[in-house]
Protein backbone atom coordinates (compact mmCIF):
# COMPACT_ATOMS: atom_id res chain seq x y z
CA MET A 1 -32.38 -14.31 31.90
CA ASP A 2 -33.45 -11.06 33.32
CA GLN A 3 -29.95 -10.24 34.32
CA ALA A 4 -28.50 -11.15 31.25
CA ILE A 5 -30.95 -8.50 29.44
CA LYS A 6 -29.87 -5.87 31.99
CA ASP A 7 -26.17 -6.79 31.18
CA ILE A 8 -26.89 -6.47 27.57
CA ILE A 9 -28.37 -2.84 28.27
CA ASN A 10 -25.26 -1.91 30.06
CA ILE A 11 -23.05 -3.34 27.24
CA GLN A 12 -25.04 -0.92 24.96
CA LYS A 13 -24.42 2.13 27.31
CA SER A 14 -20.60 1.30 27.10
CA ALA A 15 -18.35 4.17 25.38
CA SER A 16 -16.70 1.53 23.34
CA TYR A 17 -19.99 0.05 22.11
CA ILE A 18 -21.33 3.45 21.21
CA LYS A 19 -17.91 4.06 19.37
CA TYR A 20 -18.16 0.92 17.45
CA VAL A 21 -21.90 1.94 16.33
CA ASP A 22 -20.77 5.24 15.29
CA TYR A 23 -17.87 3.89 13.54
CA HIS A 24 -20.34 1.86 11.12
CA LYS A 25 -22.75 4.91 11.10
CA ASP A 26 -24.07 6.12 7.64
CA ASN A 27 -21.81 4.18 5.59
CA ILE A 28 -22.56 4.83 1.84
CA PHE A 29 -22.02 1.26 0.79
CA ALA A 30 -24.17 -0.24 3.37
CA ILE A 31 -27.09 2.34 2.46
CA THR A 32 -26.68 1.34 -1.30
CA LYS A 33 -26.46 -2.31 -0.23
CA THR A 34 -23.22 -2.53 -2.57
CA SER A 35 -20.78 -3.57 0.27
CA ARG A 36 -20.44 -7.15 -1.04
CA LEU A 37 -21.11 -6.54 -4.70
CA GLU A 38 -17.75 -7.12 -6.86
CA LEU A 39 -18.08 -4.18 -9.18
CA PRO A 40 -17.87 -1.37 -6.61
CA HIS A 41 -15.03 -3.07 -5.14
CA SER A 42 -13.13 -3.08 -8.31
CA ASP A 43 -14.28 0.50 -9.11
CA TYR A 44 -13.03 1.59 -5.82
CA LEU A 45 -9.59 0.03 -6.16
CA SER A 46 -8.98 1.17 -9.76
CA TRP A 47 -9.78 4.82 -8.31
CA ILE A 48 -7.44 4.71 -5.65
CA LEU A 49 -4.59 3.05 -7.88
CA ASN A 50 -4.84 5.56 -10.39
CA PRO A 51 -2.09 8.13 -9.88
CA ASN A 52 -4.07 10.86 -11.12
CA ARG A 53 -7.15 10.56 -8.86
CA VAL A 54 -5.93 10.42 -5.19
CA GLY A 55 -3.16 12.95 -5.51
CA LEU A 56 -0.49 10.85 -4.35
CA GLY A 57 1.32 10.10 -7.68
CA PHE A 58 2.66 6.32 -7.91
CA PHE A 59 2.60 5.72 -4.05
CA PRO A 60 -0.67 3.49 -4.16
CA VAL A 61 0.93 1.15 -6.95
CA VAL A 62 4.43 1.16 -5.21
CA GLN A 63 2.58 0.30 -2.03
CA LEU A 64 0.71 -2.72 -3.79
CA ILE A 65 4.22 -3.92 -5.26
CA LYS A 66 5.61 -4.25 -1.64
CA THR A 67 2.54 -6.22 -0.74
CA LEU A 68 3.14 -8.35 -3.58
CA LEU A 69 6.30 -9.12 -2.35
CA LEU A 70 5.23 -9.59 1.16
CA CYS A 71 2.50 -12.35 0.11
CA LYS A 72 5.12 -14.16 -2.07
CA GLU A 73 6.79 -15.47 1.08
CA ARG A 74 3.48 -17.18 1.96
CA PRO A 75 3.36 -21.12 1.60
CA ILE A 76 0.23 -20.77 -0.74
CA ASN A 77 2.19 -18.51 -3.08
CA LYS A 78 5.39 -20.56 -3.52
CA ASN A 79 4.53 -21.18 -7.08
CA ALA A 80 3.32 -17.73 -8.01
CA ARG A 81 5.27 -16.09 -10.87
CA ILE A 82 6.78 -12.83 -9.88
CA ASP A 83 10.00 -11.27 -10.61
CA GLU A 84 11.33 -10.56 -7.32
CA ASN A 85 14.28 -8.44 -8.41
CA LEU A 86 12.00 -6.17 -10.49
CA LEU A 87 9.56 -5.69 -7.99
CA LEU A 88 12.10 -4.71 -5.35
CA LYS A 89 13.61 -2.24 -7.93
CA LEU A 90 9.94 -0.81 -8.14
CA SER A 91 9.29 -0.70 -4.68
CA PHE A 92 12.18 1.35 -3.81
CA CYS A 93 10.65 3.80 -6.49
CA GLU A 94 13.89 5.31 -7.67
CA ASP A 95 13.56 8.90 -9.19
CA GLY A 96 12.24 8.69 -12.57
CA PHE A 97 12.16 4.87 -12.91
CA ILE A 98 8.37 4.71 -13.11
CA GLN A 99 7.04 6.95 -15.52
CA ASP A 100 3.29 6.11 -15.55
CA VAL A 101 0.57 3.73 -14.49
CA LYS A 102 -2.26 2.95 -16.65
CA VAL A 103 -5.44 1.40 -14.78
CA GLN A 104 -7.97 -0.26 -17.09
CA ARG A 105 -11.49 -2.00 -16.02
CA GLU A 106 -12.83 -4.99 -17.60
CA LYS A 107 -10.28 -5.20 -20.67
CA GLU A 108 -11.02 -8.84 -21.93
CA HIS A 109 -13.07 -9.16 -18.91
CA ILE A 110 -9.98 -8.82 -16.48
CA ASP A 111 -11.46 -7.05 -13.28
CA ILE A 112 -8.50 -4.62 -13.10
CA LEU A 113 -5.52 -4.31 -15.35
CA LEU A 114 -2.67 -2.31 -14.35
CA GLU A 115 0.27 -1.11 -16.73
CA VAL A 116 3.37 0.05 -14.87
CA VAL A 117 5.37 2.02 -17.43
CA THR A 118 9.12 2.16 -16.56
CA LYS A 119 12.24 3.51 -18.23
CA ASP A 120 12.71 0.36 -19.63
CA LYS A 121 9.64 -1.55 -20.18
CA THR A 122 6.13 -1.97 -19.02
CA LEU A 123 4.85 -4.25 -16.21
CA PRO A 124 1.27 -5.53 -16.66
CA ILE A 125 -0.50 -6.54 -13.40
CA VAL A 126 -3.54 -8.62 -13.76
CA ILE A 127 -5.93 -8.37 -11.04
CA GLU A 128 -8.94 -10.98 -10.49
CA ASN A 129 -11.05 -9.71 -7.96
CA LYS A 130 -13.24 -12.22 -5.91
CA VAL A 131 -15.75 -11.20 -3.15
CA ASN A 132 -18.26 -13.58 -2.86
CA SER A 133 -17.50 -16.23 -5.35
CA SER A 134 -14.67 -18.51 -6.84
CA GLU A 135 -13.54 -18.79 -10.67
CA ASN A 136 -16.32 -18.91 -13.25
CA GLY A 137 -16.56 -18.73 -16.90
CA LYS A 138 -17.19 -21.39 -19.20
CA ASN A 139 -15.15 -24.12 -17.61
CA ASN A 140 -14.87 -22.26 -14.33
CA ASP A 141 -11.06 -21.40 -15.30
CA GLN A 142 -10.90 -17.57 -15.29
CA THR A 143 -7.25 -17.37 -14.13
CA ASN A 144 -6.33 -19.87 -17.02
CA VAL A 145 -8.16 -17.70 -19.56
CA TYR A 146 -6.66 -14.34 -18.33
CA PHE A 147 -3.28 -15.86 -18.18
CA ASN A 148 -3.54 -17.25 -21.61
CA TYR A 149 -4.48 -13.98 -23.01
CA ALA A 150 -1.94 -11.73 -21.19
CA GLU A 151 0.85 -13.93 -22.16
CA LYS A 152 0.04 -13.37 -25.82
CA ALA A 153 -0.89 -9.81 -25.25
CA PHE A 154 2.20 -8.62 -23.38
CA LEU A 155 5.48 -9.79 -25.12
CA ASP A 156 8.90 -9.00 -24.54
CA GLU A 157 9.54 -7.83 -27.96
CA ASP A 158 6.76 -5.41 -27.76
CA GLY A 159 8.22 -3.75 -24.61
CA PHE A 160 6.64 -5.78 -21.72
CA TYR A 161 8.00 -7.67 -18.82
CA LYS A 162 6.34 -10.80 -18.01
CA PRO A 163 2.94 -9.89 -16.64
CA VAL A 164 2.24 -10.39 -12.58
CA TYR A 165 -0.95 -12.06 -11.92
CA VAL A 166 -3.16 -11.35 -8.63
CA TYR A 167 -5.85 -13.36 -7.23
CA LEU A 168 -7.67 -10.88 -4.59
CA LEU A 169 -10.11 -12.34 -2.14
CA PRO A 170 -11.37 -11.94 1.38
CA LYS A 171 -10.03 -15.27 2.84
CA TYR A 172 -7.01 -17.35 1.82
CA ASN A 173 -9.24 -20.49 2.04
CA GLN A 174 -12.34 -18.88 0.12
CA SER A 175 -10.79 -20.56 -3.14
CA ILE A 176 -7.52 -21.27 -4.82
CA PRO A 177 -6.74 -20.04 -8.48
CA LYS A 178 -6.56 -22.86 -10.79
CA ASN A 179 -3.58 -21.09 -12.44
CA ALA A 180 -0.77 -21.46 -10.09
CA ASN A 181 1.03 -18.34 -11.56
CA PHE A 182 -1.51 -16.25 -9.57
CA ILE A 183 -0.40 -14.73 -6.38
CA VAL A 184 -2.95 -14.94 -3.53
CA VAL A 185 -3.53 -11.51 -1.61
CA THR A 186 -6.32 -10.74 0.74
CA TYR A 187 -8.39 -7.70 1.40
CA GLN A 188 -6.54 -7.64 4.85
CA ASP A 189 -3.44 -7.58 2.87
CA LEU A 190 -4.73 -4.54 0.96
CA VAL A 191 -6.05 -2.79 4.20
CA ASP A 192 -2.75 -3.14 6.26
CA TYR A 193 -0.10 -2.40 3.58
CA VAL A 194 -2.02 -0.42 0.83
CA LEU A 195 -5.12 1.25 1.99
CA GLU A 196 -4.38 2.61 5.48
CA PRO A 197 -0.85 3.87 4.34
CA ILE A 198 -2.54 5.70 1.54
CA LEU A 199 -5.26 6.92 4.04
CA TYR A 200 -2.44 8.21 6.61
CA LYS A 201 -0.64 9.96 3.49
CA THR A 202 -3.85 11.78 2.06
CA LYS A 203 -4.42 15.19 3.20
CA ASP A 204 -7.43 16.01 1.31
CA ASP A 205 -10.45 15.69 3.68
CA ASN A 206 -13.05 14.72 0.95
CA LYS A 207 -10.83 11.98 -0.11
CA ARG A 208 -9.97 10.95 3.37
CA SER A 209 -14.04 10.70 3.95
CA ILE A 210 -14.26 8.36 0.93
CA MET A 211 -11.23 6.23 2.01
CA VAL A 212 -12.60 5.72 5.73
CA ASN A 213 -16.22 5.02 4.17
CA TYR A 214 -14.80 2.25 2.25
CA LEU A 215 -12.54 0.65 5.09
CA GLN A 216 -15.68 0.80 7.14
CA SER A 217 -17.65 -1.17 4.48
CA LEU A 218 -15.07 -4.16 4.29
CA SER A 219 -16.14 -5.21 8.13
CA TYR A 220 -19.79 -4.18 7.64
CA GLN A 221 -22.23 -6.96 7.82
CA THR A 222 -25.75 -7.00 6.68
CA ASP A 223 -28.82 -8.92 8.35
CA ASN A 224 -29.76 -10.52 5.05
CA GLU A 225 -30.59 -14.33 5.44
CA LYS A 226 -27.51 -15.42 3.91
CA GLY A 227 -25.22 -13.19 5.76
CA GLU A 228 -22.14 -11.67 4.48
CA ALA A 229 -18.68 -12.25 5.62
CA ILE A 230 -16.25 -9.72 7.06
CA MET A 231 -13.62 -8.91 4.43
CA ALA A 232 -11.17 -7.10 6.46
CA ILE A 233 -10.76 -5.17 9.48
CA SER A 234 -9.11 -1.58 9.77
CA SER A 235 -6.53 -0.74 12.58
CA GLU A 236 -9.02 1.67 14.20
CA GLU A 237 -11.86 -0.97 14.26
CA LYS A 238 -9.59 -3.57 15.90
CA ASP A 239 -8.50 -0.97 18.50
CA ILE A 240 -12.32 -0.36 19.23
CA ILE A 241 -13.32 -4.06 19.30
CA GLU A 242 -10.25 -4.73 21.67
CA GLN A 243 -11.24 -1.83 23.98
CA PHE A 244 -15.06 -2.95 23.82
CA ILE A 245 -14.29 -6.55 24.98
CA LYS A 246 -11.76 -5.35 27.72
CA GLU A 247 -14.25 -2.83 28.99
CA ASN A 248 -17.17 -5.25 29.01
CA LYS A 249 -15.50 -8.84 29.39
CA ASN A 250 -17.30 -9.45 32.88
CA LEU A 251 -20.88 -8.54 31.31
CA ILE A 252 -20.08 -10.44 28.28
CA GLN A 253 -19.12 -13.54 30.31
CA SER A 254 -22.43 -13.23 32.37
CA VAL A 255 -24.65 -12.81 29.15
CA LEU A 256 -22.89 -16.07 27.73
CA ALA A 257 -23.46 -17.77 30.95
CA ALA A 258 -27.32 -16.95 30.63
CA LEU A 259 -27.42 -18.22 27.05
CA VAL A 260 -25.82 -21.46 28.13
CA ASP A 261 -28.47 -21.91 30.83
CA ASN A 262 -31.18 -20.93 28.21
CA GLY A 263 -29.91 -23.85 25.69
CA GLU A 264 -28.45 -21.60 23.05
CA GLU A 265 -26.24 -23.24 20.63
CA ASP A 266 -22.73 -22.26 19.77
CA VAL A 267 -22.27 -20.40 23.07
CA GLU A 268 -19.25 -22.84 23.81
CA GLU A 269 -17.48 -21.50 20.74
CA MET A 270 -18.15 -17.94 21.49
CA GLN A 271 -16.92 -18.23 25.00
CA LYS A 272 -13.79 -19.78 23.87
CA ALA A 273 -13.22 -17.14 21.37
CA ILE A 274 -13.88 -14.38 23.71
CA ASN A 275 -11.44 -16.06 26.33
CA THR A 276 -8.72 -16.45 23.77
CA PHE A 277 -9.20 -12.92 22.73
CA THR A 278 -8.96 -11.40 25.95
CA SER A 279 -6.29 -13.66 27.37
CA GLY A 280 -4.07 -12.58 24.42
CA MET A 281 -4.80 -8.84 24.26
CA LYS A 282 -1.68 -6.69 23.98
CA ASP A 283 0.24 -9.85 24.01
CA TYR A 284 3.28 -8.66 21.75
CA THR A 285 5.58 -11.68 22.53
CA LYS A 286 7.52 -12.50 19.51
CA TYR A 287 9.88 -15.45 18.73
CA LYS A 288 12.84 -15.75 16.23
CA PHE A 289 13.05 -18.60 13.87
CA ASN A 290 14.85 -18.97 10.55
CA GLY A 291 16.16 -15.37 10.89
CA LYS A 292 12.78 -13.86 11.28
CA GLU A 293 10.42 -12.50 14.09
CA TYR A 294 6.88 -14.05 14.54
CA THR A 295 3.86 -13.62 16.87
CA LYS A 296 2.56 -16.80 18.26
CA ASN A 297 0.22 -17.69 15.42
CA ARG A 298 2.53 -16.88 12.81
CA LEU A 299 5.32 -18.78 14.37
CA VAL A 300 3.06 -21.94 14.68
CA LEU A 301 2.13 -21.56 11.15
CA SER A 302 5.93 -21.04 9.88
CA VAL A 303 7.31 -24.02 11.86
CA PHE A 304 4.61 -26.65 11.15
CA THR A 305 4.76 -25.49 7.51
CA GLN A 306 8.59 -26.27 7.52
CA PHE A 307 7.84 -29.45 9.63
CA VAL A 308 5.41 -30.86 6.69
CA GLU A 309 7.99 -29.77 4.10
CA ASP A 310 10.75 -31.91 6.01
CA MET A 311 8.52 -34.70 6.48
CA LYS A 312 7.62 -34.71 2.60
CA LEU A 313 11.30 -35.27 2.05
CA LYS A 314 11.17 -38.43 4.16
CA ASN A 315 7.84 -39.49 2.97
CA PRO A 316 6.67 -38.45 -0.46
CA ASN A 317 3.34 -39.87 0.04
CA LEU A 318 2.96 -37.99 3.44
CA SER A 319 -0.77 -38.12 4.57
CA ILE A 320 -2.73 -36.46 7.67
CA ALA A 321 -2.51 -39.77 9.26
CA ASP A 322 1.46 -39.70 9.01
CA LEU A 323 1.25 -36.10 10.62
CA GLU A 324 -0.94 -37.34 13.32
CA LYS A 325 1.63 -39.87 14.54
CA GLU A 326 4.31 -37.31 14.96
CA ILE A 327 2.30 -34.72 17.01
CA ASP A 328 3.02 -34.91 20.78
CA ASN A 329 -0.22 -35.36 22.96
CA SER A 330 0.94 -32.59 25.03
CA ILE A 331 0.05 -30.10 22.10
CA GLN A 332 -3.21 -31.94 20.96
CA ARG A 333 -5.92 -29.50 21.86
CA THR A 334 -9.74 -29.57 21.47
CA MET A 335 -9.41 -28.77 17.91
CA ASN A 336 -5.73 -30.18 17.23
CA VAL A 337 -2.84 -28.37 15.90
CA PHE A 338 -4.33 -28.65 12.39
CA LYS A 339 -7.42 -29.94 10.93
CA ASN A 340 -8.31 -31.40 7.34
CA ILE A 341 -10.24 -28.60 5.61
CA ASN A 342 -13.12 -30.96 4.63
CA ASP A 343 -13.61 -32.16 8.12
CA ILE A 344 -14.04 -28.58 9.59
CA SER A 345 -17.56 -28.85 11.04
CA ASP A 346 -20.34 -26.04 10.68
CA LYS A 347 -19.78 -25.13 14.02
CA TYR A 348 -16.33 -24.07 13.32
CA LYS A 349 -17.56 -21.65 10.44
CA GLY A 350 -18.62 -18.35 10.31
CA ILE A 351 -20.80 -16.47 8.12
CA GLY A 352 -20.61 -17.64 4.43
CA GLY A 353 -19.18 -20.91 5.56
CA THR A 354 -15.56 -19.48 6.19
CA PRO A 355 -13.67 -21.61 8.60
CA ARG A 356 -12.98 -19.54 11.85
CA TYR A 357 -10.40 -20.51 14.34
CA PHE A 358 -7.90 -21.45 11.78
CA ILE A 359 -5.31 -19.63 10.04
CA ASP A 360 -6.43 -18.85 6.47
CA GLU A 361 -3.32 -20.45 4.66
CA PRO A 362 -3.96 -23.86 3.36
CA ILE A 363 -1.24 -26.66 3.41
CA ALA A 364 -1.32 -29.13 0.53
CA LEU A 365 -0.19 -32.75 1.31
CA PRO A 366 1.22 -35.33 -1.33
CA SER A 367 -2.02 -37.50 -0.29
CA GLY A 368 -4.30 -34.73 -1.85
CA GLU A 369 -5.41 -33.79 1.43
CA VAL A 370 -5.46 -30.23 2.45
CA ILE A 371 -5.19 -28.82 6.05
CA LEU A 372 -5.47 -25.52 8.09
CA VAL A 373 -3.55 -24.79 11.17
CA THR A 374 -5.56 -23.34 14.30
CA ASN A 375 -4.95 -19.92 15.19
CA GLN A 376 -6.11 -20.54 18.90
CA TRP A 377 -2.70 -20.36 20.47
CA GLY A 378 -2.67 -18.93 23.95
CA LYS A 379 0.62 -18.41 25.93
CA GLU A 380 0.46 -21.93 27.60
CA ALA A 381 -0.56 -23.69 24.33
CA ALA A 382 2.25 -21.66 22.27
CA GLU A 383 4.79 -22.81 25.09
CA LYS A 384 3.95 -26.41 24.71
CA PHE A 385 4.03 -26.17 20.88
CA ILE A 386 7.64 -24.51 21.16
CA GLU A 387 8.83 -27.40 23.40
CA TRP A 388 7.53 -29.84 20.97
CA ALA A 389 9.31 -28.11 17.99
CA ARG A 390 12.57 -27.76 19.85
CA SER A 391 12.43 -31.65 20.26
CA LYS A 392 12.34 -32.04 16.55
CA GLY A 393 15.19 -30.00 16.07
CA PHE A 394 14.09 -26.56 15.39
CA GLN A 395 15.85 -23.66 16.70
CA ILE A 396 13.24 -21.05 18.23
CA GLU A 397 14.31 -18.18 20.71
CA ALA A 398 12.25 -15.33 22.16
CA ALA A 399 12.84 -12.19 20.30
């Protein structure tokens, strides 16, 4: 154990570790203990989407609209109601088409209500923001309440397009909106497609400082007894973490080995996660499937989702047991290709009970069961999966 302590000290002296600590230093959300309270997040998003506050005009809202189009392609959002042609038109932001954006907080208890005023009509966007909770209200059906309100409040004859409904949360499998018209968007989606593009475009140093502080807060974890899940990670922090593991891989392995000898629990899972991460670093291999390019994890999810859809046509009562019969032993792994979301044991759950090692996009089966596909796909495992998929008739090529 003495060597492990020395290794930990050496890790703490590494440049990447110091950089990581500095990244989270003096974060105002952490200091005020508001990093996981819902209201500050809704207030911040209202501020950054307001065309009169950040100085970028309609750019933030246009980025949000583009994000909705991207998220609509995911299986979890196949029933969400959005007018894709209208959103495409808005996303190109033709001169003068968008004339104003109104932002309201807590109107009829809606977290954020946007009204995108165009030359023709106004598009309402209803955003229900979830940080550490699922739906609440009298019958735990906020989405139905807000949907019913908006459908009556924003009518075509009064100059409105049909409202768009957004269900914002940290993880896809944290909760699913009861009203299927809501499109599920994660905070990571916001970071990747809205918040970071806004940051890169902003020139004002004071506003940039606020934006960086907010991005830092999304991955900040407090030390309280319940723990607080990471909501999203910025590109800068991803680079720092990748450099940290690359720089300290041997020391980390040494510490883990010492913990195993000392009888510490969950070390095996930590070891597996680090091995997967380090073996996959800078692996930009992409594959073509159905006319699109995918990384390994996204390829597996896309192919397996299509496989499930094909199986449903053959078997309207498709269940997990039926799927397991179709999976070749060569691609069955420690955690299998997929797991019943209810069977994910505590050792595979992170802080806050969120499943780790799985892609956060649930697939519902006709049997009523819900599954998650694993995200643990190294090169060798991915090749075995692709070989199996090709044997089922799927056309997959290296990009």
